[in-house]
């Protein structure tokens, strides 16, 4: 994965999906929110979007691919709302913490975390997908920007970014299982310390 500075165009939804595709993704959001991922079928996507099934198939191979694209779109929206020029350890940690909180507060992701946690195993943990790769691209770029200033340790920015993502991802997906052991303030504090320690020279 090539390290480069985050580009605004990477987070421009209109450059990834055209109007018809966005309409299908809107339908996916509606169905996922109402029924969960298991309620999303190509027929339901077409009906909800007011399009034909062949139109859906011309854009995606099936409902599973549409779900992946819908989750990616939400990740991009959350990323676009953040610090695009994080160039120090402090700013990188703050950005990862902001994204983690936004992810947990997002209505669709919150619903999936509560109702279908296995979805994240399927779409995020079994193999790195597009959602994770776009996050890694921005983390890697930020790490590379922070290294010359001395606030981020030396090393392969891509590799450091992968572990940084795994730390945050594991903490988010395990949050509910440790709620009796760590309240929200403690969870936030300890995650921030873990991220900072991973990046510290």
N, C-alpha and C. Protein backbone atom coordinates (compact mmCIF):
# COMPACT_ATOMS: atom_id res chain seq x y z
N UNK A 1 0.85 -1.20 0.00
CA UNK A 1 0.00 0.00 0.00
C UNK A 1 0.88 1.24 0.00
N UNK A 2 0.71 2.08 -0.96
CA UNK A 2 1.53 3.28 -1.07
C UNK A 2 1.11 4.34 -0.06
N UNK A 3 2.10 4.90 0.63
CA UNK A 3 1.84 5.96 1.59
C UNK A 3 1.73 7.27 0.84
N UNK A 4 0.72 8.03 1.11
CA UNK A 4 0.58 9.34 0.51
C UNK A 4 -0.28 10.22 1.38
N UNK A 5 -0.25 11.48 1.11
CA UNK A 5 -1.05 12.40 1.89
C UNK A 5 -2.53 12.18 1.61
N UNK A 6 -3.37 12.32 2.65
CA UNK A 6 -4.81 12.18 2.40
C UNK A 6 -5.28 13.20 1.36
N UNK A 7 -6.08 12.74 0.45
CA UNK A 7 -6.61 13.62 -0.58
C UNK A 7 -8.11 13.76 -0.39
N UNK A 8 -8.60 14.99 -0.51
CA UNK A 8 -10.03 15.23 -0.35
C UNK A 8 -10.83 14.37 -1.32
N UNK A 9 -10.30 14.16 -2.53
CA UNK A 9 -11.04 13.39 -3.54
C UNK A 9 -11.26 11.95 -3.11
N UNK A 10 -10.38 11.42 -2.25
CA UNK A 10 -10.56 10.06 -1.77
C UNK A 10 -11.85 9.92 -0.99
N UNK A 11 -12.31 11.03 -0.41
CA UNK A 11 -13.51 11.00 0.43
C UNK A 11 -14.70 11.64 -0.27
N UNK A 12 -14.58 11.87 -1.57
CA UNK A 12 -15.66 12.48 -2.34
C UNK A 12 -16.58 11.37 -2.83
N UNK A 13 -17.76 11.28 -2.25
CA UNK A 13 -18.69 10.20 -2.59
C UNK A 13 -19.08 10.23 -4.06
N UNK A 14 -19.20 11.42 -4.62
CA UNK A 14 -19.66 11.54 -6.01
C UNK A 14 -18.64 10.97 -6.99
N UNK A 15 -17.38 10.86 -6.56
CA UNK A 15 -16.37 10.28 -7.44
C UNK A 15 -16.32 8.75 -7.32
N UNK A 16 -16.97 8.20 -6.32
CA UNK A 16 -17.00 6.76 -6.15
C UNK A 16 -18.28 6.16 -6.73
N UNK A 17 -19.40 6.85 -6.55
CA UNK A 17 -20.69 6.30 -6.95
C UNK A 17 -21.51 7.35 -7.69
N UNK A 18 -22.19 6.92 -8.75
CA UNK A 18 -23.04 7.85 -9.49
C UNK A 18 -24.41 7.92 -8.81
N UNK A 19 -25.32 8.69 -9.40
CA UNK A 19 -26.62 8.94 -8.78
C UNK A 19 -27.43 7.66 -8.58
N UNK A 20 -27.38 6.77 -9.56
CA UNK A 20 -28.13 5.52 -9.44
C UNK A 20 -27.56 4.66 -8.33
N UNK A 21 -26.25 4.58 -8.26
CA UNK A 21 -25.61 3.79 -7.22
C UNK A 21 -25.89 4.36 -5.83
N UNK A 22 -25.87 5.69 -5.73
CA UNK A 22 -26.18 6.32 -4.44
C UNK A 22 -27.62 6.00 -4.03
N UNK A 23 -28.51 5.94 -4.99
CA UNK A 23 -29.91 5.60 -4.70
C UNK A 23 -30.01 4.18 -4.15
N UNK A 24 -29.25 3.26 -4.72
CA UNK A 24 -29.24 1.88 -4.24
C UNK A 24 -28.63 1.81 -2.84
N UNK A 25 -27.58 2.58 -2.61
CA UNK A 25 -26.95 2.60 -1.29
C UNK A 25 -27.88 3.20 -0.24
N UNK A 26 -28.66 4.20 -0.64
CA UNK A 26 -29.67 4.76 0.28
C UNK A 26 -30.68 3.69 0.66
N UNK A 27 -31.08 2.90 -0.33
CA UNK A 27 -32.02 1.81 -0.06
C UNK A 27 -31.39 0.80 0.89
N UNK A 28 -30.11 0.51 0.71
CA UNK A 28 -29.41 -0.43 1.59
C UNK A 28 -29.39 0.10 3.02
N UNK A 29 -29.09 1.39 3.18
CA UNK A 29 -29.10 1.99 4.52
C UNK A 29 -30.46 1.80 5.18
N UNK A 30 -31.52 2.07 4.42
CA UNK A 30 -32.88 1.96 4.96
C UNK A 30 -33.18 0.53 5.39
N UNK A 31 -32.81 -0.43 4.56
CA UNK A 31 -33.09 -1.83 4.87
C UNK A 31 -32.25 -2.33 6.04
N UNK A 32 -30.98 -1.96 6.06
CA UNK A 32 -30.10 -2.39 7.15
C UNK A 32 -30.60 -1.81 8.47
N UNK A 33 -30.99 -0.55 8.43
CA UNK A 33 -31.48 0.09 9.65
C UNK A 33 -32.76 -0.55 10.16
N UNK A 34 -33.63 -0.98 9.26
CA UNK A 34 -34.92 -1.55 9.66
C UNK A 34 -34.85 -3.03 9.99
N UNK A 35 -34.01 -3.78 9.26
CA UNK A 35 -34.04 -5.24 9.39
C UNK A 35 -32.68 -5.85 9.70
N UNK A 36 -31.63 -5.07 9.60
CA UNK A 36 -30.30 -5.64 9.73
C UNK A 36 -29.80 -6.13 8.39
N UNK A 37 -28.57 -6.56 8.37
CA UNK A 37 -27.94 -7.00 7.12
C UNK A 37 -28.68 -8.19 6.51
N UNK A 38 -29.18 -9.08 7.36
CA UNK A 38 -29.83 -10.29 6.84
C UNK A 38 -31.15 -9.97 6.14
N UNK A 39 -31.65 -8.75 6.29
CA UNK A 39 -32.88 -8.36 5.62
C UNK A 39 -32.65 -7.74 4.26
N UNK A 40 -31.41 -7.70 3.81
CA UNK A 40 -31.08 -7.05 2.54
C UNK A 40 -30.97 -8.10 1.44
N UNK A 41 -31.86 -8.01 0.47
CA UNK A 41 -31.81 -8.86 -0.71
C UNK A 41 -31.82 -7.96 -1.94
N UNK A 42 -31.42 -8.52 -3.05
CA UNK A 42 -31.42 -7.73 -4.29
C UNK A 42 -32.83 -7.28 -4.64
N UNK A 43 -33.80 -8.15 -4.45
CA UNK A 43 -35.19 -7.79 -4.75
C UNK A 43 -35.66 -6.64 -3.86
N UNK A 44 -35.33 -6.70 -2.56
CA UNK A 44 -35.72 -5.64 -1.64
C UNK A 44 -34.99 -4.34 -1.97
N UNK A 45 -33.73 -4.43 -2.35
CA UNK A 45 -32.97 -3.24 -2.74
C UNK A 45 -33.63 -2.56 -3.93
N UNK A 46 -33.98 -3.35 -4.93
CA UNK A 46 -34.61 -2.80 -6.12
C UNK A 46 -35.95 -2.16 -5.78
N UNK A 47 -36.75 -2.85 -4.97
CA UNK A 47 -38.07 -2.34 -4.61
C UNK A 47 -37.95 -1.04 -3.80
N UNK A 48 -37.06 -1.03 -2.83
CA UNK A 48 -36.90 0.14 -1.97
C UNK A 48 -36.34 1.33 -2.74
N UNK A 49 -35.44 1.06 -3.68
CA UNK A 49 -34.83 2.13 -4.47
C UNK A 49 -35.72 2.57 -5.62
N UNK A 50 -36.77 1.81 -5.90
CA UNK A 50 -37.64 2.14 -7.04
C UNK A 50 -36.97 1.87 -8.36
N UNK A 51 -36.14 0.82 -8.39
CA UNK A 51 -35.40 0.46 -9.60
C UNK A 51 -35.67 -1.00 -9.92
N UNK A 52 -35.22 -1.43 -11.08
CA UNK A 52 -35.38 -2.83 -11.46
C UNK A 52 -34.21 -3.65 -10.92
N UNK A 53 -34.44 -4.95 -10.78
CA UNK A 53 -33.35 -5.82 -10.33
C UNK A 53 -32.18 -5.81 -11.31
N UNK A 54 -32.43 -5.81 -12.63
CA UNK A 54 -31.30 -5.74 -13.55
C UNK A 54 -30.45 -4.49 -13.34
N UNK A 55 -31.10 -3.39 -12.95
CA UNK A 55 -30.33 -2.16 -12.68
C UNK A 55 -29.40 -2.36 -11.51
N UNK A 56 -29.89 -3.02 -10.47
CA UNK A 56 -29.02 -3.30 -9.31
C UNK A 56 -27.86 -4.18 -9.75
N UNK A 57 -28.15 -5.21 -10.53
CA UNK A 57 -27.10 -6.14 -10.96
C UNK A 57 -26.11 -5.51 -11.93
N UNK A 58 -26.54 -4.47 -12.63
CA UNK A 58 -25.59 -3.78 -13.52
C UNK A 58 -24.54 -3.01 -12.71
N UNK A 59 -24.86 -2.71 -11.48
CA UNK A 59 -23.95 -1.92 -10.65
C UNK A 59 -23.19 -2.76 -9.62
N UNK A 60 -23.82 -3.81 -9.13
CA UNK A 60 -23.17 -4.68 -8.15
C UNK A 60 -23.53 -6.13 -8.43
N UNK A 61 -22.68 -7.04 -7.98
CA UNK A 61 -22.91 -8.45 -8.26
C UNK A 61 -24.05 -9.03 -7.44
N UNK A 62 -24.39 -8.38 -6.33
CA UNK A 62 -25.47 -8.88 -5.50
C UNK A 62 -25.62 -8.06 -4.23
N UNK A 63 -26.53 -8.50 -3.37
CA UNK A 63 -26.82 -7.74 -2.16
C UNK A 63 -25.62 -7.64 -1.23
N UNK A 64 -24.81 -8.70 -1.15
CA UNK A 64 -23.64 -8.68 -0.26
C UNK A 64 -22.68 -7.56 -0.65
N UNK A 65 -22.47 -7.39 -1.93
CA UNK A 65 -21.57 -6.33 -2.39
C UNK A 65 -22.17 -4.95 -2.12
N UNK A 66 -23.47 -4.82 -2.23
CA UNK A 66 -24.12 -3.54 -1.94
C UNK A 66 -23.96 -3.21 -0.46
N UNK A 67 -24.13 -4.20 0.41
CA UNK A 67 -23.96 -3.98 1.85
C UNK A 67 -22.54 -3.49 2.14
N UNK A 68 -21.56 -4.13 1.52
CA UNK A 68 -20.17 -3.71 1.73
C UNK A 68 -19.97 -2.25 1.28
N UNK A 69 -20.56 -1.91 0.16
CA UNK A 69 -20.43 -0.54 -0.35
C UNK A 69 -21.15 0.45 0.56
N UNK A 70 -22.29 0.05 1.10
CA UNK A 70 -23.04 0.94 2.01
C UNK A 70 -22.23 1.20 3.28
N UNK A 71 -21.60 0.15 3.82
CA UNK A 71 -20.77 0.33 5.01
C UNK A 71 -19.55 1.20 4.70
N UNK A 72 -18.97 0.98 3.51
CA UNK A 72 -17.84 1.81 3.09
C UNK A 72 -18.24 3.27 2.99
N UNK A 73 -19.41 3.53 2.42
CA UNK A 73 -19.85 4.91 2.28
C UNK A 73 -19.98 5.59 3.64
N UNK A 74 -20.51 4.87 4.62
CA UNK A 74 -20.65 5.47 5.95
C UNK A 74 -19.29 5.72 6.59
N UNK A 75 -18.34 4.82 6.36
CA UNK A 75 -16.98 5.03 6.87
C UNK A 75 -16.37 6.27 6.24
N UNK A 76 -16.54 6.45 4.95
CA UNK A 76 -16.00 7.61 4.25
C UNK A 76 -16.60 8.89 4.80
N UNK A 77 -17.90 8.89 5.05
CA UNK A 77 -18.55 10.08 5.61
C UNK A 77 -17.95 10.42 6.97
N UNK A 78 -17.72 9.41 7.80
CA UNK A 78 -17.14 9.64 9.12
C UNK A 78 -15.70 10.15 9.01
N UNK A 79 -14.94 9.60 8.07
CA UNK A 79 -13.57 10.06 7.86
C UNK A 79 -13.53 11.50 7.37
N UNK A 80 -14.43 11.82 6.46
CA UNK A 80 -14.43 13.16 5.85
C UNK A 80 -14.73 14.25 6.87
N UNK A 81 -15.39 13.89 7.96
CA UNK A 81 -15.74 14.87 8.98
C UNK A 81 -14.58 15.16 9.93
N UNK A 82 -13.47 14.44 9.75
CA UNK A 82 -12.37 14.56 10.70
C UNK A 82 -11.21 15.42 10.22
N UNK A 83 -10.10 15.27 10.92
CA UNK A 83 -8.87 16.03 10.68
C UNK A 83 -8.12 15.42 9.50
N UNK A 84 -8.10 16.11 8.39
CA UNK A 84 -7.46 15.59 7.18
C UNK A 84 -5.96 15.87 7.14
N UNK A 85 -5.45 16.61 8.10
CA UNK A 85 -4.04 16.95 8.09
C UNK A 85 -3.39 16.62 9.44
N UNK A 86 -3.81 15.53 10.06
CA UNK A 86 -3.19 15.12 11.32
C UNK A 86 -1.73 14.80 11.07
N UNK A 87 -0.83 15.57 11.68
CA UNK A 87 0.59 15.42 11.38
C UNK A 87 1.45 15.32 12.65
N UNK A 88 0.85 14.89 13.74
CA UNK A 88 1.58 14.68 14.99
C UNK A 88 0.91 13.55 15.75
N UNK A 89 1.62 12.95 16.69
CA UNK A 89 1.04 11.87 17.47
C UNK A 89 -0.24 12.32 18.16
N UNK A 90 -0.21 13.49 18.75
CA UNK A 90 -1.38 13.99 19.47
C UNK A 90 -2.59 14.11 18.55
N UNK A 91 -2.38 14.65 17.35
CA UNK A 91 -3.49 14.83 16.42
C UNK A 91 -3.97 13.49 15.85
N UNK A 92 -3.04 12.57 15.63
CA UNK A 92 -3.44 11.26 15.12
C UNK A 92 -4.28 10.52 16.15
N UNK A 93 -3.83 10.51 17.40
CA UNK A 93 -4.60 9.85 18.46
C UNK A 93 -5.97 10.51 18.60
N UNK A 94 -6.00 11.83 18.58
CA UNK A 94 -7.28 12.54 18.70
C UNK A 94 -8.21 12.18 17.56
N UNK A 95 -7.66 12.04 16.35
CA UNK A 95 -8.49 11.70 15.20
C UNK A 95 -9.02 10.27 15.29
N UNK A 96 -8.17 9.33 15.73
CA UNK A 96 -8.64 7.95 15.88
C UNK A 96 -9.72 7.88 16.96
N UNK A 97 -9.54 8.62 18.05
CA UNK A 97 -10.54 8.64 19.11
C UNK A 97 -11.84 9.26 18.61
N UNK A 98 -11.74 10.34 17.84
CA UNK A 98 -12.94 10.98 17.27
C UNK A 98 -13.68 10.01 16.37
N UNK A 99 -12.93 9.34 15.50
CA UNK A 99 -13.56 8.40 14.57
C UNK A 99 -14.20 7.24 15.34
N UNK A 100 -13.51 6.74 16.37
CA UNK A 100 -14.05 5.63 17.16
C UNK A 100 -15.37 6.02 17.80
N UNK A 101 -15.43 7.23 18.36
CA UNK A 101 -16.67 7.70 18.98
C UNK A 101 -17.76 7.89 17.94
N UNK A 102 -17.40 8.47 16.80
CA UNK A 102 -18.38 8.69 15.74
C UNK A 102 -18.92 7.37 15.21
N UNK A 103 -18.05 6.38 15.08
CA UNK A 103 -18.45 5.05 14.62
C UNK A 103 -19.47 4.45 15.59
N UNK A 104 -19.18 4.54 16.88
CA UNK A 104 -20.07 3.97 17.88
C UNK A 104 -21.40 4.72 17.98
N UNK A 105 -21.37 6.01 17.65
CA UNK A 105 -22.59 6.82 17.75
C UNK A 105 -23.41 6.82 16.46
N UNK A 106 -22.82 6.36 15.36
CA UNK A 106 -23.54 6.31 14.09
C UNK A 106 -24.75 5.38 14.25
N UNK A 107 -25.95 5.83 13.90
CA UNK A 107 -27.15 5.01 14.14
C UNK A 107 -27.09 3.62 13.50
N UNK A 108 -26.58 3.54 12.28
CA UNK A 108 -26.54 2.26 11.59
C UNK A 108 -25.51 1.33 12.22
N UNK A 109 -24.31 1.83 12.45
CA UNK A 109 -23.28 1.00 13.06
C UNK A 109 -23.65 0.62 14.49
N UNK A 110 -24.27 1.56 15.22
CA UNK A 110 -24.70 1.27 16.57
C UNK A 110 -25.72 0.12 16.59
N UNK A 111 -26.64 0.19 15.63
CA UNK A 111 -27.66 -0.86 15.53
C UNK A 111 -27.03 -2.21 15.24
N UNK A 112 -26.07 -2.23 14.32
CA UNK A 112 -25.41 -3.49 13.98
C UNK A 112 -24.59 -4.02 15.15
N UNK A 113 -23.89 -3.13 15.85
CA UNK A 113 -23.10 -3.56 17.01
C UNK A 113 -24.00 -4.19 18.06
N UNK A 114 -25.19 -3.63 18.24
CA UNK A 114 -26.12 -4.13 19.26
C UNK A 114 -26.85 -5.39 18.82
N UNK A 115 -27.30 -5.41 17.55
CA UNK A 115 -28.18 -6.48 17.10
C UNK A 115 -27.47 -7.59 16.34
N UNK A 116 -26.46 -7.23 15.56
CA UNK A 116 -25.79 -8.21 14.71
C UNK A 116 -24.28 -8.05 14.77
N UNK A 117 -23.68 -8.27 15.94
CA UNK A 117 -22.22 -8.10 16.03
C UNK A 117 -21.46 -9.03 15.10
N UNK A 118 -22.09 -10.15 14.73
CA UNK A 118 -21.42 -11.07 13.81
C UNK A 118 -21.20 -10.46 12.44
N UNK A 119 -21.96 -9.41 12.13
CA UNK A 119 -21.79 -8.71 10.85
C UNK A 119 -20.37 -8.17 10.72
N UNK A 120 -19.84 -7.67 11.83
CA UNK A 120 -18.51 -7.09 11.78
C UNK A 120 -17.44 -8.17 11.63
N UNK A 121 -17.73 -9.36 12.14
CA UNK A 121 -16.82 -10.48 11.90
C UNK A 121 -16.81 -10.81 10.42
N UNK A 122 -17.99 -10.80 9.83
CA UNK A 122 -18.11 -11.17 8.41
C UNK A 122 -17.52 -10.11 7.50
N UNK A 123 -17.82 -8.84 7.77
CA UNK A 123 -17.45 -7.78 6.85
C UNK A 123 -16.15 -7.07 7.20
N UNK A 124 -15.69 -7.21 8.44
CA UNK A 124 -14.49 -6.48 8.84
C UNK A 124 -13.34 -7.37 9.29
N UNK A 125 -13.64 -8.48 9.94
CA UNK A 125 -12.57 -9.25 10.56
C UNK A 125 -12.08 -10.42 9.73
N UNK A 126 -12.94 -11.01 8.90
CA UNK A 126 -12.52 -12.18 8.15
C UNK A 126 -11.42 -11.82 7.14
N UNK A 127 -11.50 -10.65 6.58
CA UNK A 127 -10.44 -10.16 5.68
C UNK A 127 -10.57 -8.65 5.59
N UNK A 128 -9.43 -8.00 5.35
CA UNK A 128 -9.46 -6.55 5.23
C UNK A 128 -10.22 -6.18 3.97
N UNK A 129 -11.24 -5.37 4.15
CA UNK A 129 -12.03 -4.95 3.02
C UNK A 129 -11.81 -3.48 2.68
N UNK A 130 -12.67 -2.96 1.81
CA UNK A 130 -12.50 -1.59 1.32
C UNK A 130 -12.61 -0.57 2.44
N UNK A 131 -13.51 -0.83 3.40
CA UNK A 131 -13.69 0.12 4.50
C UNK A 131 -12.40 0.26 5.30
N UNK A 132 -11.78 -0.87 5.61
CA UNK A 132 -10.54 -0.83 6.39
C UNK A 132 -9.40 -0.23 5.58
N UNK A 133 -9.38 -0.51 4.30
CA UNK A 133 -8.27 -0.01 3.48
C UNK A 133 -8.31 1.52 3.35
N UNK A 134 -9.49 2.09 3.26
CA UNK A 134 -9.55 3.55 3.17
C UNK A 134 -9.14 4.18 4.49
N UNK A 135 -9.46 3.52 5.60
CA UNK A 135 -9.00 4.01 6.90
C UNK A 135 -7.49 3.89 6.99
N UNK A 136 -6.95 2.75 6.58
CA UNK A 136 -5.51 2.53 6.63
C UNK A 136 -4.75 3.56 5.78
N UNK A 137 -5.31 3.89 4.64
CA UNK A 137 -4.67 4.86 3.76
C UNK A 137 -4.48 6.19 4.48
N UNK A 138 -5.50 6.60 5.21
CA UNK A 138 -5.43 7.89 5.92
C UNK A 138 -4.55 7.80 7.16
N UNK A 139 -4.59 6.68 7.87
CA UNK A 139 -3.72 6.52 9.02
C UNK A 139 -2.26 6.49 8.59
N UNK A 140 -1.97 5.74 7.54
CA UNK A 140 -0.60 5.63 7.06
C UNK A 140 -0.06 6.98 6.62
N UNK A 141 -0.89 7.75 5.92
CA UNK A 141 -0.48 9.07 5.47
C UNK A 141 -0.20 9.99 6.66
N UNK A 142 -1.05 9.93 7.67
CA UNK A 142 -0.87 10.78 8.85
C UNK A 142 0.39 10.38 9.61
N UNK A 143 0.64 9.09 9.73
CA UNK A 143 1.84 8.61 10.41
C UNK A 143 3.10 9.08 9.67
N UNK A 144 3.07 8.96 8.35
CA UNK A 144 4.21 9.40 7.55
C UNK A 144 4.45 10.91 7.70
N UNK A 145 3.39 11.67 7.86
CA UNK A 145 3.52 13.11 8.06
C UNK A 145 4.09 13.42 9.45
N UNK A 146 3.74 12.59 10.43
CA UNK A 146 4.17 12.85 11.80
C UNK A 146 5.58 12.40 12.11
N UNK A 147 6.09 11.44 11.36
CA UNK A 147 7.42 10.90 11.65
C UNK A 147 8.56 11.93 11.54
N UNK A 148 8.60 12.76 10.51
CA UNK A 148 9.71 13.73 10.42
C UNK A 148 9.76 14.71 11.59
N UNK A 149 8.62 14.99 12.20
CA UNK A 149 8.59 15.92 13.32
C UNK A 149 9.02 15.30 14.63
N UNK A 150 9.21 13.99 14.64
CA UNK A 150 9.71 13.32 15.83
C UNK A 150 8.66 12.92 16.85
N UNK A 151 7.38 13.20 16.58
CA UNK A 151 6.34 12.84 17.56
C UNK A 151 5.85 11.41 17.35
N UNK A 152 6.11 10.84 16.18
CA UNK A 152 5.72 9.47 15.86
C UNK A 152 6.99 8.66 15.63
N UNK A 153 7.03 7.46 16.16
CA UNK A 153 8.23 6.64 16.05
C UNK A 153 8.54 6.27 14.60
N UNK A 154 9.81 5.99 14.36
CA UNK A 154 10.23 5.54 13.05
C UNK A 154 9.70 4.14 12.79
N UNK A 155 9.65 3.79 11.53
CA UNK A 155 9.18 2.47 11.13
C UNK A 155 8.32 2.57 9.90
N UNK A 156 7.93 1.43 9.38
CA UNK A 156 7.09 1.38 8.20
C UNK A 156 5.70 1.92 8.54
N UNK A 157 5.33 3.03 7.92
CA UNK A 157 4.06 3.69 8.26
C UNK A 157 2.86 2.78 7.99
N UNK A 158 2.93 1.98 6.95
CA UNK A 158 1.84 1.07 6.64
C UNK A 158 1.65 0.04 7.76
N UNK A 159 2.76 -0.52 8.23
CA UNK A 159 2.69 -1.54 9.27
C UNK A 159 2.21 -0.94 10.59
N UNK A 160 2.70 0.24 10.92
CA UNK A 160 2.25 0.90 12.14
C UNK A 160 0.75 1.19 12.05
N UNK A 161 0.29 1.61 10.87
CA UNK A 161 -1.12 1.93 10.67
C UNK A 161 -2.00 0.70 10.85
N UNK A 162 -1.55 -0.45 10.35
CA UNK A 162 -2.33 -1.68 10.50
C UNK A 162 -2.56 -2.00 11.97
N UNK A 163 -1.49 -1.94 12.77
CA UNK A 163 -1.64 -2.26 14.19
C UNK A 163 -2.48 -1.21 14.91
N UNK A 164 -2.33 0.06 14.50
CA UNK A 164 -3.14 1.11 15.12
C UNK A 164 -4.62 0.86 14.87
N UNK A 165 -4.95 0.46 13.65
CA UNK A 165 -6.34 0.15 13.32
C UNK A 165 -6.83 -1.06 14.11
N UNK A 166 -5.99 -2.08 14.23
CA UNK A 166 -6.39 -3.27 14.97
C UNK A 166 -6.66 -2.97 16.44
N UNK A 167 -5.85 -2.10 17.02
CA UNK A 167 -6.06 -1.72 18.42
C UNK A 167 -7.42 -1.06 18.58
N UNK A 168 -7.69 -0.06 17.73
CA UNK A 168 -8.95 0.67 17.83
C UNK A 168 -10.14 -0.23 17.49
N UNK A 169 -9.99 -1.03 16.43
CA UNK A 169 -11.08 -1.91 16.00
C UNK A 169 -11.43 -2.92 17.08
N UNK A 170 -10.41 -3.53 17.67
CA UNK A 170 -10.65 -4.52 18.72
C UNK A 170 -11.33 -3.88 19.93
N UNK A 171 -10.90 -2.68 20.27
CA UNK A 171 -11.49 -1.98 21.42
C UNK A 171 -12.96 -1.67 21.17
N UNK A 172 -13.27 -1.23 19.95
CA UNK A 172 -14.66 -0.89 19.63
C UNK A 172 -15.55 -2.13 19.66
N UNK A 173 -15.10 -3.21 19.02
CA UNK A 173 -15.93 -4.40 18.91
C UNK A 173 -16.06 -5.13 20.25
N UNK A 174 -15.10 -4.91 21.15
CA UNK A 174 -15.14 -5.57 22.47
C UNK A 174 -15.72 -4.67 23.55
N UNK A 175 -16.08 -3.46 23.19
CA UNK A 175 -16.51 -2.48 24.19
C UNK A 175 -17.65 -3.00 25.05
N UNK A 176 -18.65 -3.56 24.41
CA UNK A 176 -19.82 -4.04 25.16
C UNK A 176 -19.50 -5.16 26.12
N UNK A 177 -18.52 -5.99 25.79
CA UNK A 177 -18.20 -7.15 26.63
C UNK A 177 -17.44 -6.76 27.89
N UNK A 178 -16.86 -5.56 27.92
CA UNK A 178 -16.08 -5.14 29.09
C UNK A 178 -16.73 -3.96 29.81
N UNK A 179 -17.98 -3.67 29.47
CA UNK A 179 -18.63 -2.50 30.05
C UNK A 179 -18.77 -2.59 31.57
N UNK A 180 -18.79 -3.82 32.11
CA UNK A 180 -18.85 -3.98 33.56
C UNK A 180 -17.50 -3.74 34.22
N UNK A 181 -16.44 -3.79 33.42
CA UNK A 181 -15.09 -3.63 33.95
C UNK A 181 -14.54 -2.23 33.70
N UNK A 182 -14.95 -1.63 32.59
CA UNK A 182 -14.49 -0.28 32.23
C UNK A 182 -15.70 0.58 31.89
N UNK A 183 -15.90 1.65 32.63
CA UNK A 183 -16.95 2.57 32.22
C UNK A 183 -16.47 3.37 31.01
N UNK A 184 -17.35 4.21 30.47
CA UNK A 184 -17.02 4.92 29.24
C UNK A 184 -15.78 5.78 29.39
N UNK A 185 -15.65 6.47 30.50
CA UNK A 185 -14.50 7.35 30.72
C UNK A 185 -13.21 6.54 30.78
N UNK A 186 -13.24 5.42 31.48
CA UNK A 186 -12.04 4.58 31.59
C UNK A 186 -11.69 3.96 30.25
N UNK A 187 -12.71 3.49 29.53
CA UNK A 187 -12.47 2.90 28.20
C UNK A 187 -11.81 3.91 27.28
N UNK A 188 -12.33 5.12 27.27
CA UNK A 188 -11.77 6.18 26.42
C UNK A 188 -10.33 6.50 26.82
N UNK A 189 -10.10 6.61 28.11
CA UNK A 189 -8.75 6.93 28.61
C UNK A 189 -7.76 5.83 28.24
N UNK A 190 -8.13 4.58 28.44
CA UNK A 190 -7.21 3.48 28.19
C UNK A 190 -6.97 3.26 26.70
N UNK A 191 -7.99 3.45 25.88
CA UNK A 191 -7.78 3.34 24.44
C UNK A 191 -6.85 4.44 23.96
N UNK A 192 -7.05 5.66 24.45
CA UNK A 192 -6.15 6.75 24.08
C UNK A 192 -4.71 6.46 24.48
N UNK A 193 -4.52 5.89 25.66
CA UNK A 193 -3.18 5.56 26.13
C UNK A 193 -2.55 4.47 25.25
N UNK A 194 -3.36 3.48 24.84
CA UNK A 194 -2.85 2.40 24.00
C UNK A 194 -2.42 2.93 22.63
N UNK A 195 -3.24 3.81 22.06
CA UNK A 195 -2.91 4.40 20.76
C UNK A 195 -1.65 5.26 20.85
N UNK A 196 -1.59 6.06 21.90
CA UNK A 196 -0.43 6.94 22.08
C UNK A 196 0.83 6.11 22.29
N UNK A 197 0.74 5.05 23.07
CA UNK A 197 1.91 4.21 23.31
C UNK A 197 2.40 3.52 22.06
N UNK A 198 1.48 3.14 21.18
CA UNK A 198 1.87 2.49 19.94
C UNK A 198 2.64 3.44 19.02
N UNK A 199 2.30 4.71 19.07
CA UNK A 199 2.92 5.70 18.16
C UNK A 199 4.15 6.38 18.77
N UNK A 200 4.28 6.35 20.08
CA UNK A 200 5.32 7.12 20.76
C UNK A 200 6.72 6.61 20.40
N UNK A 201 7.67 7.54 20.11
CA UNK A 201 9.06 7.13 19.81
C UNK A 201 9.70 6.39 20.98
